[in-house]
Amino acid sequence: TINIMTIQRRESILLEYADFGLCNILPTQLSRLLDCAPNLVKLNLESVTISGPVLRAVAQCSQLQILNLAMCQNVNASQLVAVTRNCTKLKELNMAWCNISEKTYNRLFPCSSTFLKYKNVRS
């Protein structure tokens, strides 16, 4: 069991898979946890309210291969740029129902199609 409130910044935890789908977790708690989990490979944030600090923390997970942001609230397309730049091992990205059009996605991430095997963008 991990007590999110006792995790110190820069303290590293051995976490590779995290499923917060449909969880009621505060963005501050989530960003604190993600700051300490640089070895994440798979992260599910489906239907979670996220913030800029959460996406900045996700962008620091350089081992990330699968990211599910489907139905997330407060997703800002411009904040996702750091995620696609820094998470070079990313193979699957689900942004369905995040109010980001495919046209916007393609404009913001023109190079991502070269390394993403699967992307899902629905409005």
Protein backbone atom coordinates (compact mmCIF):
# COMPACT_ATOMS: atom_id res chain seq x y z
CA THR A 1 0.00 0.00 0.00
CA ILE A 2 1.29 3.45 -0.93
CA ASN A 3 0.25 6.46 1.11
CA ILE A 4 0.37 9.25 -1.47
CA MET A 5 0.54 11.98 1.15
CA THR A 6 3.76 10.60 2.67
CA ILE A 7 5.67 10.29 -0.59
CA GLN A 8 8.48 12.78 -0.74
CA ARG A 9 9.31 14.49 -4.01
CA ARG A 10 12.24 12.81 -5.75
CA GLU A 11 11.68 9.65 -3.73
CA SER A 12 11.51 6.89 -6.31
CA ILE A 13 8.97 4.08 -6.08
CA LEU A 14 9.09 0.90 -8.13
CA LEU A 15 5.91 1.24 -10.12
CA GLU A 16 5.57 0.11 -13.72
CA TYR A 17 1.80 -0.26 -14.15
CA ALA A 18 -0.75 2.14 -12.69
CA ASP A 19 -4.49 2.08 -13.27
CA PHE A 20 -6.31 5.13 -11.92
CA GLY A 21 -9.22 4.74 -14.35
CA LEU A 22 -12.45 6.08 -12.82
CA CYS A 23 -10.63 6.86 -9.55
CA ASN A 24 -11.49 9.87 -7.48
CA ILE A 25 -7.97 11.21 -6.97
CA LEU A 26 -6.97 14.85 -6.69
CA PRO A 27 -4.64 16.15 -9.41
CA THR A 28 -2.16 17.24 -6.71
CA GLN A 29 -2.02 13.71 -5.30
CA LEU A 30 -1.70 12.20 -8.75
CA SER A 31 1.12 14.51 -9.83
CA ARG A 32 2.97 13.80 -6.56
CA LEU A 33 2.74 10.06 -7.18
CA LEU A 34 3.76 10.35 -10.84
CA ASP A 35 6.74 12.53 -9.91
CA CYS A 36 8.07 9.55 -7.97
CA ALA A 37 7.36 6.89 -10.59
CA PRO A 38 9.76 7.52 -13.49
CA ASN A 39 9.71 3.86 -14.55
CA LEU A 40 6.03 3.69 -15.46
CA VAL A 41 5.39 1.62 -18.57
CA LYS A 42 1.58 1.68 -18.62
CA LEU A 43 -0.65 4.40 -17.18
CA ASN A 44 -4.45 4.52 -17.25
CA LEU A 45 -6.03 7.87 -16.32
CA GLU A 46 -9.40 7.25 -17.96
CA SER A 47 -12.10 9.60 -16.65
CA VAL A 48 -9.73 11.29 -14.21
CA THR A 49 -9.57 15.06 -13.76
CA ILE A 50 -6.02 16.03 -14.64
CA SER A 51 -4.04 19.26 -14.63
CA GLY A 52 -0.89 20.79 -16.09
CA PRO A 53 1.29 19.41 -13.27
CA VAL A 54 -0.11 15.92 -13.90
CA LEU A 55 0.80 16.05 -17.59
CA ARG A 56 4.24 17.48 -16.74
CA ALA A 57 4.78 14.53 -14.39
CA VAL A 58 3.60 12.10 -17.08
CA ALA A 59 6.11 13.68 -19.47
CA GLN A 60 8.91 12.70 -17.07
CA CYS A 61 8.01 9.01 -17.37
CA SER A 62 10.50 8.26 -20.12
CA GLN A 63 9.74 4.50 -20.09
CA LEU A 64 6.03 5.03 -20.76
CA GLN A 65 4.67 2.87 -23.59
CA ILE A 66 0.89 2.98 -23.06
CA LEU A 67 -1.08 6.04 -21.95
CA ASN A 68 -4.87 6.16 -21.66
CA LEU A 69 -6.35 9.65 -21.25
CA ALA A 70 -9.82 8.75 -22.55
CA MET A 71 -12.58 10.94 -21.12
CA CYS A 72 -10.12 12.91 -18.98
CA GLN A 73 -11.22 16.35 -17.90
CA ASN A 74 -9.07 19.48 -18.23
CA VAL A 75 -6.83 18.11 -20.98
CA ASN A 76 -5.09 20.94 -22.77
CA ALA A 77 -3.73 19.89 -26.14
CA SER A 78 -0.66 22.10 -25.84
CA GLN A 79 0.32 20.38 -22.56
CA LEU A 80 0.53 17.08 -24.39
CA VAL A 81 3.47 18.28 -26.48
CA ALA A 82 5.96 17.52 -23.68
CA VAL A 83 4.48 14.05 -23.28
CA THR A 84 5.02 13.12 -26.93
CA ARG A 85 8.48 14.72 -26.98
CA ASN A 86 9.79 13.08 -23.81
CA CYS A 87 7.99 9.74 -23.87
CA THR A 88 9.77 8.42 -26.93
CA LYS A 89 8.85 4.80 -26.16
CA LEU A 90 5.13 5.62 -26.30
CA LYS A 91 3.35 3.12 -28.54
CA GLU A 92 -0.31 3.61 -27.60
CA LEU A 93 -2.09 6.86 -26.81
CA ASN A 94 -5.84 7.01 -26.18
CA MET A 95 -7.31 10.52 -26.03
CA ALA A 96 -10.89 9.62 -26.91
CA TRP A 97 -13.54 12.06 -25.73
CA CYS A 98 -11.00 14.61 -24.48
CA ASN A 99 -12.40 17.30 -26.77
CA ILE A 100 -9.27 17.27 -28.91
CA SER A 101 -9.98 16.99 -32.60
CA GLU A 102 -7.86 14.80 -34.82
CA LYS A 103 -6.95 17.90 -36.83
CA THR A 104 -5.60 19.58 -33.69
CA TYR A 105 -3.86 16.35 -32.69
CA ASN A 106 -2.13 16.10 -36.07
CA ARG A 107 -1.11 19.76 -35.95
CA LEU A 108 0.36 19.46 -32.46
CA PHE A 109 1.99 16.07 -32.92
CA PRO A 110 3.07 15.80 -36.55
CA CYS A 111 5.95 13.44 -35.76
CA SER A 112 4.08 11.22 -33.32
CA SER A 113 2.58 9.13 -36.08
CA THR A 114 6.06 7.80 -36.80
CA PHE A 115 6.33 6.02 -33.45
CA LEU A 116 2.74 5.50 -32.30
CA LYS A 117 1.25 2.14 -33.22
CA TYR A 118 -2.18 3.07 -31.89
CA LYS A 119 -3.88 6.38 -31.33
CA ASN A 120 -7.49 7.01 -30.58
CA VAL A 121 -8.98 10.47 -30.89
CA ARG A 122 -12.74 10.87 -30.80
CA SER A 123 -14.83 13.84 -29.88
